Amino acid sequence: MWVQQHVLLVVLILLISFCGISAFIIPPSLQESSPSCWAAAAAAAASARTKTTTKRTKTTTQLWNQKWNDRYAELVDFGNQHGHINVVGKSNPALNNFVQNQRKEYRRWQRGETSSMDDRKVDLLNKLAFVWDKNQQIWESRYDELLQFQADFGHVNVPIKYKTLGQWVTKHRKAKRAGTLSQNRIDRLEEIRFIWDVKEWQFQRGLTQIKEFKATYGHIDIKVTDGEFGSWFYSRRKEYLHYLNGENTTLLDNHRLALEEVGFGPHLAERRTTTARSFHVTWETRLEELVQFKDQYNHTRVPRIPRYAQLSTWVNHQRNLKAMGKLARERLLQLEEIHFTWNTNQWLWMKRYAELVDFQVIHGNT
């Protein structure tokens, strides 16, 4: 490069010298009709400068390619060491910048813009399973988690306790409502029966359970104690009673009609009134059953077995009413007369203590 610069300088000096001499030797009329010496000098300078720039550009390109190859080699080493090429910025800032730049240049390359990316680099990075779209990689990971959830529970209604996956699912419901979710992702989610409307899904599931219950038992006298299904049933029953009374209700018309088809009707309100009216009678009946139980077993701790299922439920209800201060004094006294056991744990402790005393009397020690 130093030699080229000096050759250029010598050429310019000779041309300028010749042009200066020709101004005295060649007549002005011939000077105007012949090519300009100054133009020739400028052309020569431009040609020499182009050659120099071309060589400099070629050298710069080679340098950048070498730097790229060095970073690529680092990425290969990183993959061999960690089993992936998901480079975190804090662990290796320089290599992370390289990875981010490749994604940026790749996007430019795809759009047909000026980019340092080329087919060779794309092929080399693809051999490392390079992730061109980080967001898409995260999406695929969450999608796989949703598939696993479906395999475990039989549906994709992810509860809030699954924070990351639950938030991802909720985000996609909102995106679809806003019209910002791509059709490709909508199609993929619908392939696994994704639940876009949770309330509708819950209603349809509950309706199916009512139909199955009715087919098995011949009625829909479902108890609130029947777990999640029982709680859902009573919430729908409550809203239906609001509708019957002309009150505001959250029950949709199509849901109401579907419930009426499986047995909902005015008799639900009548049953509630009848139950309340006959409660005093059944209380006396249950008390008589409890007296008979005590005469047979000498205590009022009714076990939770099928034979005493209703009596056991009634006994526990009396304890709960007393604990809340809602048991009528008259009934409290009636239960006290038969030595009703209010605190089962205390009763069991006293029983074991009495057994220990008897053991000491018999054996002289404990």
Protein backbone atom coordinates (compact mmCIF):
# COMPACT_ATOMS: atom_id res chain seq x y z
CA MET A 1 0.00 0.00 0.00
CA TRP A 2 2.92 2.37 0.77
CA VAL A 3 4.40 1.71 -2.71
CA GLN A 4 1.08 2.36 -4.44
CA GLN A 5 0.68 5.67 -2.66
CA HIS A 6 4.16 6.82 -3.74
CA VAL A 7 3.60 5.71 -7.36
CA LEU A 8 0.38 7.68 -7.40
CA LEU A 9 2.22 10.75 -6.09
CA VAL A 10 4.89 10.49 -8.81
CA VAL A 11 2.25 10.16 -11.58
CA LEU A 12 0.41 13.18 -10.31
CA ILE A 13 3.60 15.26 -10.18
CA LEU A 14 4.55 14.32 -13.78
CA LEU A 15 1.04 15.06 -15.09
CA ILE A 16 0.87 18.38 -13.30
CA SER A 17 4.36 19.29 -14.58
CA PHE A 18 3.41 18.40 -18.14
CA CYS A 19 0.14 20.35 -17.91
CA GLY A 20 2.04 23.36 -16.60
CA ILE A 21 4.62 23.23 -19.46
CA SER A 22 1.93 22.69 -22.10
CA ALA A 23 0.32 25.95 -21.08
CA PHE A 24 3.40 27.73 -22.54
CA ILE A 25 4.17 25.42 -25.54
CA ILE A 26 0.73 24.41 -26.90
CA PRO A 27 -1.45 27.20 -28.32
CA PRO A 28 -4.71 27.94 -26.44
CA SER A 29 -6.84 26.87 -29.42
CA LEU A 30 -5.21 23.37 -29.41
CA GLN A 31 -5.47 23.14 -25.63
CA GLU A 32 -9.27 23.58 -25.78
CA SER A 33 -9.65 20.95 -28.55
CA SER A 34 -7.44 18.28 -26.85
CA PRO A 35 -8.23 16.26 -23.67
CA SER A 36 -7.49 18.10 -20.47
CA CYS A 37 -4.34 17.11 -18.65
CA TRP A 38 -6.10 17.85 -15.38
CA ALA A 39 -8.90 15.43 -16.23
CA ALA A 40 -6.33 12.73 -16.99
CA ALA A 41 -4.66 13.36 -13.67
CA ALA A 42 -7.99 13.11 -11.83
CA ALA A 43 -8.85 9.87 -13.62
CA ALA A 44 -5.50 8.36 -12.73
CA ALA A 45 -5.93 9.34 -9.09
CA ALA A 46 -9.45 7.90 -8.96
CA SER A 47 -8.28 4.60 -10.47
CA ALA A 48 -5.47 4.25 -7.97
CA ARG A 49 -7.82 5.14 -5.08
CA THR A 50 -10.38 2.52 -6.22
CA LYS A 51 -7.74 -0.20 -6.25
CA THR A 52 -6.59 0.80 -2.77
CA THR A 53 -10.20 0.88 -1.42
CA THR A 54 -11.01 -2.50 -3.00
CA LYS A 55 -8.00 -4.08 -1.35
CA ARG A 56 -8.83 -2.43 1.99
CA THR A 57 -12.48 -3.67 1.76
CA LYS A 58 -11.32 -7.16 0.92
CA THR A 59 -8.98 -7.14 3.88
CA THR A 60 -11.77 -5.85 6.21
CA THR A 61 -14.19 -8.56 5.03
CA GLN A 62 -11.60 -11.24 5.72
CA LEU A 63 -11.05 -9.79 9.18
CA TRP A 64 -14.79 -9.80 9.98
CA ASN A 65 -15.15 -13.36 8.69
CA GLN A 66 -12.30 -14.46 10.93
CA LYS A 67 -13.95 -12.80 13.94
CA TRP A 68 -17.24 -14.55 13.07
CA ASN A 69 -15.48 -17.89 12.78
CA ASP A 70 -13.85 -17.35 16.17
CA ARG A 71 -17.19 -16.59 17.83
CA TYR A 72 -18.78 -19.56 16.10
CA ALA A 73 -16.04 -21.80 17.47
CA GLU A 74 -16.76 -20.40 20.97
CA LEU A 75 -20.45 -21.20 20.49
CA VAL A 76 -19.59 -24.76 19.52
CA ASP A 77 -17.46 -25.11 22.66
CA PHE A 78 -20.29 -23.68 24.76
CA GLY A 79 -22.70 -26.24 23.31
CA ASN A 80 -20.33 -29.12 23.98
CA GLN A 81 -19.88 -27.97 27.56
CA HIS A 82 -23.51 -27.20 28.47
CA GLY A 83 -25.51 -29.38 26.10
CA HIS A 84 -27.25 -26.35 24.57
CA ILE A 85 -26.43 -22.96 23.05
CA ASN A 86 -28.86 -20.89 25.12
CA VAL A 87 -26.24 -18.31 26.11
CA VAL A 88 -27.15 -16.04 29.03
CA GLY A 89 -25.77 -12.50 28.91
CA LYS A 90 -24.35 -12.46 32.42
CA SER A 91 -22.44 -15.71 31.96
CA ASN A 92 -20.76 -14.69 28.69
CA PRO A 93 -21.62 -11.16 27.47
CA ALA A 94 -19.49 -11.30 24.31
CA LEU A 95 -20.90 -14.62 23.12
CA ASN A 96 -24.43 -13.52 24.04
CA ASN A 97 -24.01 -10.40 21.88
CA PHE A 98 -22.85 -12.62 19.03
CA VAL A 99 -25.97 -14.79 19.34
CA GLN A 100 -28.29 -11.77 19.47
CA ASN A 101 -26.57 -10.21 16.44
CA GLN A 102 -27.04 -13.39 14.42
CA ARG A 103 -30.80 -13.26 15.05
CA LYS A 104 -30.90 -9.58 14.09
CA GLU A 105 -28.86 -10.07 10.93
CA TYR A 106 -30.94 -13.11 10.00
CA ARG A 107 -34.17 -11.06 10.18
CA ARG A 108 -32.60 -8.41 7.94
CA TRP A 109 -31.40 -11.09 5.55
CA GLN A 110 -34.91 -12.58 5.31
CA ARG A 111 -36.38 -9.15 4.55
CA GLY A 112 -33.86 -8.66 1.74
CA GLU A 113 -32.05 -5.87 3.54
CA THR A 114 -28.29 -5.34 3.78
CA SER A 115 -26.97 -7.94 6.19
CA SER A 116 -23.79 -9.79 7.14
CA MET A 117 -25.76 -13.04 7.12
CA ASP A 118 -25.33 -15.52 4.26
CA ASP A 119 -26.18 -19.13 3.36
CA ARG A 120 -22.91 -20.47 4.78
CA LYS A 121 -23.50 -18.93 8.20
CA VAL A 122 -27.12 -20.07 8.27
CA ASP A 123 -26.10 -23.66 7.49
CA LEU A 124 -23.38 -23.66 10.15
CA LEU A 125 -25.72 -22.27 12.84
CA ASN A 126 -28.52 -24.66 11.90
CA LYS A 127 -26.12 -27.54 12.52
CA LEU A 128 -26.05 -26.37 16.17
CA ALA A 129 -29.88 -26.25 16.31
CA PHE A 130 -29.61 -22.49 16.57
CA VAL A 131 -32.84 -20.78 17.71
CA TRP A 132 -33.57 -17.97 15.29
CA ASP A 133 -36.76 -16.91 17.10
CA LYS A 134 -36.41 -16.97 20.90
CA ASN A 135 -40.08 -16.18 21.48
CA GLN A 136 -41.13 -19.13 19.35
CA GLN A 137 -38.85 -21.41 21.35
CA ILE A 138 -40.50 -20.31 24.61
CA TRP A 139 -43.94 -20.83 23.06
CA GLU A 140 -43.07 -24.37 22.01
CA SER A 141 -41.79 -25.13 25.50
CA ARG A 142 -45.04 -23.95 27.14
CA TYR A 143 -47.08 -25.86 24.56
CA ASP A 144 -45.24 -29.06 25.52
CA GLU A 145 -46.01 -28.36 29.19
CA LEU A 146 -49.69 -27.97 28.32
CA LEU A 147 -49.65 -31.31 26.49
CA GLN A 148 -48.17 -32.96 29.59
CA PHE A 149 -50.84 -31.33 31.80
CA GLN A 150 -53.53 -32.71 29.49
CA ALA A 151 -52.01 -36.18 29.68
CA ASP A 152 -52.02 -36.00 33.50
CA PHE A 153 -55.50 -34.52 34.09
CA GLY A 154 -57.50 -35.15 30.92
CA HIS A 155 -58.13 -31.48 30.15
CA VAL A 156 -56.28 -28.18 29.62
CA ASN A 157 -58.05 -25.98 32.17
CA VAL A 158 -54.88 -25.08 34.07
CA PRO A 159 -55.57 -23.79 37.62
CA ILE A 160 -53.93 -20.66 39.02
CA LYS A 161 -51.54 -22.65 41.22
CA TYR A 162 -49.59 -23.53 38.07
CA LYS A 163 -48.32 -19.97 37.91
CA THR A 164 -46.17 -19.92 34.76
CA LEU A 165 -48.32 -22.27 32.68
CA GLY A 166 -51.55 -20.81 34.07
CA GLN A 167 -50.50 -17.28 33.13
CA TRP A 168 -49.48 -18.48 29.66
CA VAL A 169 -52.90 -20.06 29.10
CA THR A 170 -54.73 -16.95 30.35
CA LYS A 171 -52.57 -14.74 28.11
CA HIS A 172 -53.63 -16.74 25.03
CA ARG A 173 -57.33 -16.46 25.92
CA LYS A 174 -56.97 -12.68 26.16
CA ALA A 175 -54.96 -12.51 22.93
CA LYS A 176 -57.65 -14.41 21.03
CA ARG A 177 -60.38 -12.12 22.35
CA ALA A 178 -58.29 -9.10 21.31
CA GLY A 179 -57.69 -10.59 17.87
CA THR A 180 -53.90 -10.55 18.26
CA LEU A 181 -53.31 -14.32 18.34
CA SER A 182 -52.06 -15.77 15.06
CA GLN A 183 -54.25 -18.28 13.24
CA ASN A 184 -51.43 -20.81 13.30
CA ARG A 185 -51.32 -20.78 17.09
CA ILE A 186 -55.13 -20.84 17.34
CA ASP A 187 -55.19 -23.95 15.16
CA ARG A 188 -52.49 -25.70 17.18
CA LEU A 189 -54.25 -24.98 20.48
CA GLU A 190 -57.60 -26.12 19.16
CA GLU A 191 -56.01 -29.40 18.08
CA ILE A 192 -55.66 -30.24 21.80
CA ARG A 193 -59.16 -28.93 22.69
CA PHE A 194 -57.93 -25.69 24.27
CA ILE A 195 -60.52 -24.06 26.57
CA TRP A 196 -61.18 -20.53 25.35
CA ASP A 197 -64.22 -19.92 27.60
CA VAL A 198 -63.66 -21.36 31.09
CA LYS A 199 -67.17 -20.64 32.40
CA GLU A 200 -68.79 -22.37 29.45
CA TRP A 201 -66.48 -25.34 29.84
CA GLN A 202 -67.30 -25.60 33.56
CA PHE A 203 -71.03 -25.44 32.83
CA GLN A 204 -70.88 -28.14 30.15
CA ARG A 205 -68.81 -30.38 32.40
CA GLY A 206 -71.24 -29.89 35.30
CA LEU A 207 -74.23 -30.52 33.03
CA THR A 208 -72.69 -33.80 31.91
CA GLN A 209 -72.16 -34.81 35.55
CA ILE A 210 -75.83 -34.05 36.36
CA LYS A 211 -76.94 -36.25 33.46
CA GLU A 212 -74.69 -39.08 34.64
CA PHE A 213 -75.93 -38.71 38.23
CA LYS A 214 -79.55 -38.79 37.09
CA ALA A 215 -78.93 -41.83 34.88
CA THR A 216 -77.45 -43.65 37.88
CA TYR A 217 -79.82 -42.64 40.70
CA GLY A 218 -82.96 -41.54 38.86
CA HIS A 219 -83.01 -38.04 40.40
CA ILE A 220 -80.89 -34.90 40.79
CA ASP A 221 -81.02 -34.61 44.59
CA ILE A 222 -77.34 -33.68 44.71
CA LYS A 223 -75.81 -32.63 48.04
CA VAL A 224 -73.58 -29.64 48.55
CA THR A 225 -71.16 -32.00 50.30
CA ASP A 226 -70.54 -33.88 47.04
CA GLY A 227 -67.21 -32.15 46.51
CA GLU A 228 -66.58 -29.67 43.70
CA PHE A 229 -69.52 -31.01 41.73
CA GLY A 230 -71.89 -30.47 44.67
CA SER A 231 -70.69 -26.88 45.16
CA TRP A 232 -71.16 -26.13 41.46
CA PHE A 233 -74.63 -27.68 41.45
CA TYR A 234 -75.78 -25.56 44.38
CA SER A 235 -74.39 -22.39 42.83
CA ARG A 236 -76.48 -23.09 39.70
CA ARG A 237 -79.50 -23.99 41.86
CA LYS A 238 -79.14 -20.70 43.72
CA GLU A 239 -79.07 -18.71 40.48
CA TYR A 240 -82.06 -20.65 39.17
CA LEU A 241 -84.05 -19.78 42.29
CA HIS A 242 -83.18 -16.11 41.70
CA TYR A 243 -84.66 -16.49 38.23
CA LEU A 244 -87.86 -18.09 39.61
CA ASN A 245 -88.25 -15.23 42.10
CA GLY A 246 -87.78 -12.60 39.39
CA GLU A 247 -84.47 -11.47 40.88
CA ASN A 248 -81.21 -10.62 39.12
CA THR A 249 -79.26 -13.70 38.13
CA THR A 250 -76.04 -14.57 36.34
CA LEU A 251 -77.68 -17.65 34.79
CA LEU A 252 -77.70 -17.43 31.00
CA ASP A 253 -80.91 -18.29 29.17
CA ASN A 254 -79.35 -21.18 27.23
CA HIS A 255 -77.91 -22.56 30.49
CA ARG A 256 -81.27 -22.27 32.22
CA LEU A 257 -83.00 -24.18 29.42
CA ALA A 258 -80.32 -26.87 29.51
CA LEU A 259 -80.77 -27.27 33.28
CA GLU A 260 -84.55 -27.47 32.93
CA GLU A 261 -84.09 -30.29 30.43
CA VAL A 262 -82.28 -32.37 33.08
CA GLY A 263 -84.80 -31.70 35.86
CA PHE A 264 -84.56 -28.12 37.15
CA GLY A 265 -87.94 -26.55 37.86
CA PRO A 266 -90.18 -24.82 40.47
CA HIS A 267 -90.03 -27.93 42.66
CA LEU A 268 -86.51 -26.88 43.71
CA ALA A 269 -87.96 -23.93 45.61
CA GLU A 270 -90.73 -26.11 47.04
CA ARG A 271 -88.21 -28.67 48.24
CA ARG A 272 -86.28 -26.00 50.13
CA THR A 273 -89.46 -24.81 51.89
CA THR A 274 -90.54 -28.36 52.70
CA THR A 275 -87.14 -29.21 54.11
CA ALA A 276 -87.16 -26.17 56.37
CA ARG A 277 -90.72 -26.91 57.52
CA SER A 278 -90.00 -30.54 58.37
CA PHE A 279 -86.66 -29.92 60.06
CA HIS A 280 -88.12 -29.86 63.59
CA VAL A 281 -89.81 -33.20 63.04
CA THR A 282 -86.66 -34.87 61.72
CA TRP A 283 -84.67 -33.42 64.63
CA GLU A 284 -86.88 -35.24 67.12
CA THR A 285 -86.65 -38.41 65.07
CA ARG A 286 -82.84 -38.20 64.98
CA LEU A 287 -82.76 -37.60 68.74
CA GLU A 288 -84.73 -40.82 69.29
CA GLU A 289 -82.29 -42.68 67.05
CA LEU A 290 -79.39 -41.26 69.04
CA VAL A 291 -80.96 -42.38 72.34
CA GLN A 292 -81.29 -45.90 70.96
CA PHE A 293 -77.67 -45.80 69.80
CA LYS A 294 -76.51 -44.71 73.27
CA ASP A 295 -78.52 -47.46 74.98
CA GLN A 296 -76.76 -50.00 72.78
CA TYR A 297 -73.17 -48.65 72.84
CA ASN A 298 -73.15 -46.45 75.97
CA HIS A 299 -71.90 -43.31 74.15
CA THR A 300 -73.00 -40.81 71.50
CA ARG A 301 -69.95 -40.93 69.24
CA VAL A 302 -71.72 -42.18 66.14
CA PRO A 303 -69.25 -43.63 63.59
CA ARG A 304 -69.25 -42.60 59.94
CA ILE A 305 -70.28 -45.91 58.44
CA PRO A 306 -73.09 -46.57 55.93
CA ARG A 307 -75.39 -48.00 58.61
CA TYR A 308 -75.29 -44.74 60.62
CA ALA A 309 -74.50 -42.29 57.82
CA GLN A 310 -77.52 -40.00 58.35
CA LEU A 311 -77.33 -40.12 62.15
CA SER A 312 -73.59 -39.39 62.10
CA THR A 313 -74.16 -36.36 59.84
CA TRP A 314 -76.91 -35.09 62.14
CA VAL A 315 -74.73 -35.52 65.26
CA ASN A 316 -71.83 -33.58 63.71
CA HIS A 317 -74.27 -30.86 62.64
CA GLN A 318 -75.39 -30.41 66.28
CA ARG A 319 -71.77 -29.99 67.37
CA ASN A 320 -71.18 -27.38 64.67
CA LEU A 321 -74.33 -25.46 65.62
CA LYS A 322 -73.26 -25.35 69.25
CA ALA A 323 -69.75 -24.19 68.32
CA MET A 324 -71.27 -21.33 66.28
CA GLY A 325 -73.74 -20.48 69.07
CA LYS A 326 -76.73 -21.29 66.84
CA LEU A 327 -78.14 -24.34 68.65
CA ALA A 328 -81.44 -23.57 70.40
CA ARG A 329 -81.26 -23.79 74.20
CA GLU A 330 -84.14 -26.27 74.33
CA ARG A 331 -82.28 -28.67 72.06
CA LEU A 332 -79.03 -28.10 73.88
CA LEU A 333 -80.65 -29.19 77.15
CA GLN A 334 -82.21 -32.27 75.51
CA LEU A 335 -78.79 -33.36 74.28
CA GLU A 336 -77.14 -32.62 77.62
CA GLU A 337 -79.69 -34.94 79.33
CA ILE A 338 -78.34 -37.92 77.42
CA HIS A 339 -74.73 -36.86 78.05
CA PHE A 340 -74.09 -35.85 74.44
CA THR A 341 -70.39 -35.79 73.54
CA TRP A 342 -69.56 -32.30 72.32
CA ASN A 343 -65.79 -32.69 72.19
CA THR A 344 -64.91 -36.09 70.76
CA ASN A 345 -61.17 -35.64 71.31
CA GLN A 346 -61.70 -34.83 75.00
CA TRP A 347 -64.03 -37.79 75.36
CA LEU A 348 -61.46 -40.13 73.82
CA TRP A 349 -58.74 -38.77 76.14
CA MET A 350 -60.89 -39.35 79.21
CA LYS A 351 -61.70 -42.86 78.01
CA ARG A 352 -58.01 -43.72 77.59
CA TYR A 353 -57.25 -42.15 81.00
CA ALA A 354 -59.90 -44.33 82.64
CA GLU A 355 -58.40 -47.42 80.99
CA LEU A 356 -54.98 -46.43 82.34
CA VAL A 357 -56.39 -46.08 85.87
CA ASP A 358 -57.98 -49.53 85.62
CA PHE A 359 -54.67 -50.96 84.38
CA GLN A 360 -52.86 -49.45 87.38
CA VAL A 361 -55.38 -50.88 89.83
CA ILE A 362 -55.01 -54.32 88.32
CA HIS A 363 -51.24 -54.41 87.76
CA GLY A 364 -49.97 -51.89 90.28
CA ASN A 365 -48.11 -49.80 87.67
CA THR A 366 -48.66 -47.96 84.38
